[in-house]
Amino acid sequence: MKSAGASSPKSFASADLVKTYRDARGRRAALDGVSLSVGDGELLVILGPSGAGKTTLLRVIAGLEHPDSGTILLDGRDLLAVHPSRRRVALVFQDDALFPHMTTFENLAFPMRVRGASASEVEKRVRDVASSLAIEHHLRERPARLSGGERQRAALARAVLSDPRVLLLDEPLAHLDPQLRAHVREQFTRFRSSFPGAAIHVTHDHVEALSIADSLAIMIDGRIVQCGAPQDVYDSPIDVEVARFLGSPPMNVIEGDMHLIGIRPEHLSLDATAAFRGCVQSVETTGADRFARVRTPRGDVVVRLAARQHAAAGEEVGIAFDEAHVRRFDSHSGALLA
């Protein structure tokens, strides 16, 4: 999906969704004209900060909340006219929400039994889905005996076994520690390729979003501000707002002669002969990468240090960059310039 208005056929689409709440400051738009589309077998990841409206969007799609205006279509059918229980939309929360008194098998079998599936069909399907998510050895155990990652995979399996056309994932990995999160994310990515419907995953984790998405949407203040292929969005943010948000660390944006100049830390390097100079303020190590924050006459920039390259606070350095990776933004509107 290249944009929310892409012309290729999509099984799921929303248009101009608006949802407002009233708080102490008056009416606030949680969703401000949200339009997006997702095809079968496609994973759209919506990345945004806390409070951007991501969870509200999923709740509206699932039918847990009703929008003030806008449309939601699934295979051309108006979902707003369909009761939530009949929408064929499954929502996986941060909390696994498994039934504690049931075994894992019984939790997974529950939505199939509600639909009246035969015992043999339930047995085969549950074991197939459990195997694909590497929890087949825990089917006899109750949720309390499972690890956090196993419970989240069980919740995902139960959602898939409800036979949805659209799978909604509300930061299901948010409560897992980083190592387990990476492991579950890898298993989910392998499993997701076998899910035939449309999937929407919301997160505030930049690495997660960029690593698993087929399409990436940036959501800020209730608006989808950019949508496209993850690498395209990363390489060419549509405006300064997205540039300063996307990435860990995000794109550097500094004053140019005529425009704002954007360049990512990995496209800068320390070079003693470079004319563009500054003073190192700090050096941060994140494990595999090290970043130097450098104060320059045009503003602070973050530089990813090359292997074996050293820098120390207070050191004067030259900064080189590749012109091909420079992005220019309008100084007034902040929009990306062609």
Protein backbone atom coordinates (compact mmCIF):
# COMPACT_ATOMS: atom_id res chain seq x y z
CA MET A 1 0.00 0.00 0.00
CA LYS A 2 1.62 3.22 -1.15
CA SER A 3 -0.91 5.58 0.36
CA ALA A 4 -4.27 5.71 2.03
CA GLY A 5 -5.78 6.54 -1.35
CA ALA A 6 -4.08 3.76 -3.32
CA SER A 7 -6.01 2.58 -6.37
CA SER A 8 -5.27 -1.15 -5.99
CA PRO A 9 -8.22 -3.13 -4.58
CA LYS A 10 -8.28 -3.43 -0.80
CA SER A 11 -10.52 -5.69 1.26
CA PHE A 12 -10.65 -3.28 4.21
CA ALA A 13 -10.90 0.51 4.15
CA SER A 14 -11.90 3.40 6.36
CA ALA A 15 -12.62 6.92 5.19
CA ASP A 16 -12.72 10.20 7.10
CA LEU A 17 -13.23 8.64 10.54
CA VAL A 18 -13.85 11.24 13.22
CA LYS A 19 -14.17 10.50 16.93
CA THR A 20 -14.24 13.25 19.55
CA TYR A 21 -14.29 13.22 23.34
CA ARG A 22 -15.11 15.94 25.81
CA ASP A 23 -12.60 16.65 28.56
CA ALA A 24 -11.70 19.55 30.84
CA ARG A 25 -10.37 21.50 27.84
CA GLY A 26 -13.49 20.98 25.75
CA ARG A 27 -13.94 18.70 22.74
CA ARG A 28 -10.86 16.79 21.63
CA ALA A 29 -10.51 14.84 18.38
CA ALA A 30 -9.10 11.37 19.07
CA LEU A 31 -9.58 10.57 15.37
CA ASP A 32 -9.37 13.45 12.95
CA GLY A 33 -10.43 12.28 9.49
CA VAL A 34 -8.60 8.92 9.47
CA SER A 35 -8.54 7.18 6.09
CA LEU A 36 -6.63 3.99 5.36
CA SER A 37 -6.88 0.74 3.41
CA VAL A 38 -5.45 -2.75 3.84
CA GLY A 39 -5.50 -5.73 1.50
CA ASP A 40 -5.80 -9.43 2.25
CA GLY A 41 -2.51 -10.88 3.48
CA GLU A 42 -1.19 -7.39 4.21
CA LEU A 43 0.06 -6.10 7.56
CA LEU A 44 -0.40 -2.38 8.09
CA VAL A 45 1.52 -1.08 11.11
CA ILE A 46 0.34 2.19 12.62
CA LEU A 47 3.16 3.91 14.49
CA GLY A 48 2.53 6.83 16.77
CA PRO A 49 3.24 8.26 20.22
CA SER A 50 1.02 7.63 23.23
CA GLY A 51 -2.24 9.52 22.86
CA ALA A 52 -2.10 9.59 19.07
CA GLY A 53 -5.45 7.78 18.75
CA LYS A 54 -4.16 4.33 17.79
CA THR A 55 -6.20 2.32 20.28
CA THR A 56 -9.30 4.43 19.65
CA LEU A 57 -9.02 3.61 15.96
CA LEU A 58 -8.90 -0.13 16.65
CA ARG A 59 -11.85 0.08 19.05
CA VAL A 60 -13.90 1.91 16.43
CA ILE A 61 -13.07 -0.70 13.78
CA ALA A 62 -13.95 -3.51 16.18
CA GLY A 63 -17.25 -1.84 17.08
CA LEU A 64 -16.42 -1.16 20.73
CA GLU A 65 -16.86 2.55 20.04
CA HIS A 66 -18.88 4.38 17.41
CA PRO A 67 -17.37 7.20 15.33
CA ASP A 68 -18.98 10.61 15.06
CA SER A 69 -18.70 10.36 11.29
CA GLY A 70 -16.92 8.44 8.53
CA THR A 71 -17.18 4.99 6.98
CA ILE A 72 -15.65 1.54 7.50
CA LEU A 73 -15.91 -0.98 4.68
CA LEU A 74 -15.03 -4.68 4.60
CA ASP A 75 -15.29 -6.26 1.15
CA GLY A 76 -17.48 -3.31 0.21
CA ARG A 77 -19.88 -3.86 3.15
CA ASP A 78 -20.58 -1.04 5.62
CA LEU A 79 -19.29 -2.35 8.96
CA LEU A 80 -20.91 0.45 10.95
CA ALA A 81 -24.26 -1.16 10.20
CA VAL A 82 -23.05 -4.56 11.48
CA HIS A 83 -23.16 -5.64 15.13
CA PRO A 84 -19.64 -6.04 16.57
CA SER A 85 -20.15 -9.78 17.10
CA ARG A 86 -20.83 -10.24 13.38
CA ARG A 87 -18.10 -8.05 11.92
CA ARG A 88 -15.49 -10.86 11.64
CA VAL A 89 -12.99 -8.51 13.26
CA ALA A 90 -10.73 -9.85 16.04
CA LEU A 91 -8.92 -7.56 18.47
CA VAL A 92 -5.86 -8.68 20.47
CA PHE A 93 -5.14 -6.41 23.44
CA GLN A 94 -1.94 -5.69 25.38
CA ASP A 95 -3.47 -7.83 28.13
CA ASP A 96 -3.86 -11.39 26.79
CA ALA A 97 -7.42 -11.61 28.28
CA LEU A 98 -7.37 -15.43 28.36
CA PHE A 99 -9.95 -17.24 30.52
CA PRO A 100 -7.93 -18.23 33.63
CA HIS A 101 -10.14 -21.24 34.52
CA MET A 102 -9.68 -22.85 31.11
CA THR A 103 -6.71 -24.73 29.69
CA THR A 104 -4.89 -23.22 26.75
CA PHE A 105 -6.64 -25.72 24.46
CA GLU A 106 -10.05 -24.72 25.82
CA ASN A 107 -9.23 -21.02 25.38
CA LEU A 108 -8.25 -21.58 21.78
CA ALA A 109 -11.20 -23.86 21.06
CA PHE A 110 -13.75 -21.47 22.56
CA PRO A 111 -14.49 -19.30 19.47
CA MET A 112 -14.77 -22.39 17.24
CA ARG A 113 -17.17 -24.11 19.63
CA VAL A 114 -19.31 -20.95 19.76
CA ARG A 115 -19.59 -21.18 15.97
CA GLY A 116 -20.68 -24.83 16.24
CA ALA A 117 -17.58 -26.46 14.76
CA SER A 118 -17.30 -30.22 15.07
CA ALA A 119 -15.04 -31.79 17.68
CA SER A 120 -12.69 -33.18 15.03
CA GLU A 121 -12.48 -29.80 13.28
CA VAL A 122 -11.75 -28.06 16.59
CA GLU A 123 -9.04 -30.57 17.48
CA LYS A 124 -7.24 -30.29 14.15
CA ARG A 125 -7.48 -26.53 13.76
CA VAL A 126 -6.43 -25.72 17.33
CA ARG A 127 -3.39 -27.97 17.10
CA ASP A 128 -2.41 -26.59 13.70
CA VAL A 129 -2.56 -22.95 14.84
CA ALA A 130 -0.88 -23.75 18.18
CA SER A 131 1.94 -25.50 16.33
CA SER A 132 2.45 -22.54 14.00
CA LEU A 133 2.93 -20.32 17.08
CA ALA A 134 5.07 -22.85 18.97
CA ILE A 135 2.66 -23.33 21.88
CA GLU A 136 1.45 -26.85 21.02
CA HIS A 137 3.24 -28.26 24.08
CA HIS A 138 1.26 -25.99 26.43
CA LEU A 139 -2.28 -26.85 25.36
CA ARG A 140 -3.06 -28.73 28.57
CA GLU A 141 -1.81 -25.95 30.82
CA ARG A 142 -3.81 -23.04 32.19
CA PRO A 143 -2.71 -19.47 31.39
CA ALA A 144 -1.14 -18.95 34.83
CA ARG A 145 1.46 -21.60 33.98
CA LEU A 146 2.50 -19.88 30.73
CA SER A 147 5.14 -17.21 30.25
CA GLY A 148 4.14 -13.75 29.08
CA GLY A 149 5.21 -14.51 25.53
CA GLU A 150 3.32 -17.82 25.50
CA ARG A 151 0.14 -16.13 26.76
CA GLN A 152 0.36 -13.47 24.04
CA ARG A 153 0.81 -16.14 21.38
CA ALA A 154 -2.18 -18.00 22.82
CA ALA A 155 -4.24 -14.80 22.65
CA LEU A 156 -3.21 -14.34 19.03
CA ALA A 157 -4.08 -17.97 18.24
CA ARG A 158 -7.51 -17.59 19.84
CA ALA A 159 -8.15 -14.45 17.79
CA VAL A 160 -7.21 -16.22 14.55
CA LEU A 161 -9.42 -19.20 15.44
CA SER A 162 -12.41 -16.86 15.62
CA ASP A 163 -12.15 -16.81 11.80
CA PRO A 164 -11.71 -13.04 11.34
CA ARG A 165 -11.40 -11.21 8.06
CA VAL A 166 -9.53 -8.41 9.86
CA LEU A 167 -7.05 -8.96 12.70
CA LEU A 168 -6.39 -5.98 14.98
CA LEU A 169 -3.34 -5.97 17.27
CA ASP A 170 -3.19 -3.36 20.02
CA GLU A 171 0.49 -3.36 21.05
CA PRO A 172 0.32 -7.06 22.06
CA LEU A 173 4.06 -7.16 22.81
CA ALA A 174 4.23 -3.97 24.89
CA HIS A 175 4.51 -5.69 28.28
CA LEU A 176 7.22 -8.18 27.29
CA ASP A 177 10.89 -7.64 28.11
CA PRO A 178 13.09 -6.69 25.10
CA GLN A 179 14.63 -10.14 24.52
CA LEU A 180 11.30 -11.97 24.74
CA ARG A 181 9.65 -9.27 22.65
CA ALA A 182 12.12 -9.84 19.81
CA HIS A 183 11.59 -13.61 20.02
CA VAL A 184 7.78 -13.38 19.93
CA ARG A 185 7.95 -10.79 17.15
CA GLU A 186 9.99 -13.20 15.03
CA GLN A 187 7.47 -16.01 15.60
CA PHE A 188 4.58 -13.69 14.87
CA THR A 189 6.19 -12.56 11.60
CA ARG A 190 6.53 -16.16 10.44
CA PHE A 191 2.97 -16.97 11.48
CA ARG A 192 1.45 -13.82 10.01
CA SER A 193 2.38 -14.81 6.46
CA SER A 194 -0.17 -17.65 6.71
CA PHE A 195 -3.04 -15.39 7.84
CA PRO A 196 -5.20 -14.74 4.76
CA GLY A 197 -6.99 -11.61 5.95
CA ALA A 198 -6.02 -7.99 6.54
CA ALA A 199 -4.07 -7.17 9.70
CA ILE A 200 -3.55 -3.84 11.49
CA HIS A 201 -0.92 -3.64 14.23
CA VAL A 202 -0.51 -0.48 16.32
CA THR A 203 2.66 0.29 18.25
CA HIS A 204 4.87 3.09 19.55
CA ASP A 205 8.01 0.93 19.00
CA HIS A 206 9.93 2.20 15.96
CA VAL A 207 12.07 -0.92 15.51
CA GLU A 208 9.02 -3.17 15.72
CA ALA A 209 7.10 -1.07 13.21
CA LEU A 210 9.88 -0.92 10.63
CA SER A 211 10.80 -4.59 10.96
CA ILE A 212 7.36 -6.23 10.57
CA ALA A 213 5.28 -3.85 8.44
CA ASP A 214 4.23 -4.39 4.85
CA SER A 215 2.88 -0.84 4.98
CA LEU A 216 3.61 1.82 7.58
CA ALA A 217 1.30 4.62 8.68
CA ILE A 218 2.45 7.43 10.95
CA MET A 219 -0.30 8.65 13.29
CA ILE A 220 0.07 11.88 15.24
CA ASP A 221 -2.68 13.77 17.08
CA GLY A 222 -5.47 11.65 15.61
CA ARG A 223 -4.29 12.04 12.02
CA ILE A 224 -2.61 9.67 9.58
CA VAL A 225 0.11 12.03 8.40
CA GLN A 226 1.99 9.64 6.11
CA CYS A 227 1.45 6.13 4.80
CA GLY A 228 3.56 3.97 2.51
CA ALA A 229 6.27 1.33 2.26
CA PRO A 230 8.31 1.39 5.51
CA GLN A 231 11.63 2.19 3.83
CA ASP A 232 10.05 4.96 1.75
CA VAL A 233 8.55 6.59 4.84
CA TYR A 234 11.86 6.25 6.70
CA ASP A 235 13.97 7.61 3.83
CA SER A 236 11.65 10.46 2.82
CA PRO A 237 9.40 11.68 5.67
CA ILE A 238 6.62 13.82 4.31
CA ASP A 239 7.36 16.72 6.66
CA VAL A 240 9.49 17.85 9.57
CA GLU A 241 6.97 16.47 12.09
CA VAL A 242 7.44 12.93 10.77
CA ALA A 243 11.20 13.42 10.34
CA ARG A 244 11.59 14.37 13.99
CA PHE A 245 9.38 11.48 15.13
CA LEU A 246 10.37 8.44 13.06
CA GLY A 247 13.57 6.63 13.94
CA SER A 248 15.56 5.87 17.05
CA PRO A 249 17.27 8.29 17.11
CA PRO A 250 15.19 10.34 14.64
CA MET A 251 16.35 12.33 11.64
CA ASN A 252 18.49 15.40 12.33
CA VAL A 253 16.78 18.62 11.22
CA ILE A 254 18.92 21.76 11.13
CA GLU A 255 18.82 25.22 9.59
CA GLY A 256 20.06 25.43 6.01
CA ASP A 257 20.82 28.49 3.88
CA MET A 258 17.32 28.52 2.34
CA HIS A 259 15.51 25.47 3.77
CA LEU A 260 15.50 23.13 6.72
CA ILE A 261 17.94 20.28 6.17
CA GLY A 262 17.23 16.72 7.27
CA ILE A 263 19.72 13.85 7.43
CA ARG A 264 19.73 10.66 9.48
CA PRO A 265 22.51 9.88 12.00
CA GLU A 266 23.73 6.89 9.96
CA HIS A 267 24.38 9.16 6.98
CA LEU A 268 26.73 11.43 8.93
CA SER A 269 30.32 10.62 9.83
CA LEU A 270 33.15 12.26 11.71
CA ASP A 271 35.82 13.55 9.35
CA ALA A 272 38.70 15.74 10.52
CA THR A 273 38.92 17.41 7.09
CA ALA A 274 35.22 18.36 6.83
CA ALA A 275 34.35 22.05 6.76
CA PHE A 276 31.14 21.55 8.76
CA ARG A 277 32.32 21.47 12.36
CA GLY A 278 31.02 21.25 15.90
CA CYS A 279 31.73 20.27 19.49
CA VAL A 280 30.84 16.85 20.90
CA GLN A 281 28.38 17.19 23.78
CA SER A 282 27.96 13.52 24.70
CA VAL A 283 28.41 9.97 23.43
CA GLU A 284 25.75 7.30 23.94
CA THR A 285 26.26 3.56 23.51
CA THR A 286 23.23 1.39 22.72
CA GLY A 287 25.11 -1.88 22.30
CA ALA A 288 25.90 -2.41 18.65
CA ASP A 289 25.77 1.32 17.91
CA ARG A 290 27.33 4.45 19.41
CA PHE A 291 26.01 7.94 18.84
CA ALA A 292 27.69 11.30 19.34
CA ARG A 293 25.63 14.41 19.92
CA VAL A 294 27.45 17.34 18.35
CA ARG A 295 26.63 21.03 18.78
CA THR A 296 27.09 22.99 15.55
CA PRO A 297 26.35 26.60 14.52
CA ARG A 298 23.21 25.31 12.75
CA GLY A 299 21.90 23.23 15.67
CA ASP A 300 22.64 19.94 17.41
CA VAL A 301 23.07 16.79 15.31
CA VAL A 302 23.41 13.12 16.25
CA VAL A 303 26.09 11.13 14.41
CA ARG A 304 26.30 7.35 14.40
CA LEU A 305 29.95 6.53 14.97
CA ALA A 306 31.72 4.10 12.69
CA ALA A 307 33.39 1.00 14.11
CA ARG A 308 36.62 1.82 15.97
CA GLN A 309 35.80 5.53 15.75
CA HIS A 310 36.14 7.42 19.01
CA ALA A 311 34.81 10.74 20.22
CA ALA A 312 34.76 12.43 23.62
CA ALA A 313 32.72 15.21 25.15
CA GLY A 314 34.36 18.59 24.52
CA GLU A 315 36.19 17.43 21.39
CA GLU A 316 35.96 19.55 18.25
CA VAL A 317 35.11 17.44 15.20
CA GLY A 318 34.35 17.76 11.51
CA ILE A 319 31.14 16.22 10.14
CA ALA A 320 30.84 14.83 6.63
CA PHE A 321 27.62 13.77 4.91
CA ASP A 322 26.42 12.23 1.68
CA GLU A 323 24.37 14.75 -0.33
CA ALA A 324 22.24 11.88 -1.74
CA HIS A 325 20.75 11.31 1.71
CA VAL A 326 19.94 14.95 2.48
CA ARG A 327 16.24 15.86 2.61
CA ARG A 328 15.09 19.46 2.35
CA PHE A 329 11.98 20.85 4.00
CA ASP A 330 10.17 24.16 3.58
CA SER A 331 11.20 26.50 6.38
CA HIS A 332 7.63 27.77 6.89
CA SER A 333 5.32 24.78 6.31
CA GLY A 334 7.82 22.05 7.15
CA ALA A 335 6.76 20.08 4.07
CA LEU A 336 9.25 17.89 2.20
CA LEU A 337 10.52 19.59 -0.95
CA ALA A 338 10.90 17.65 -4.20
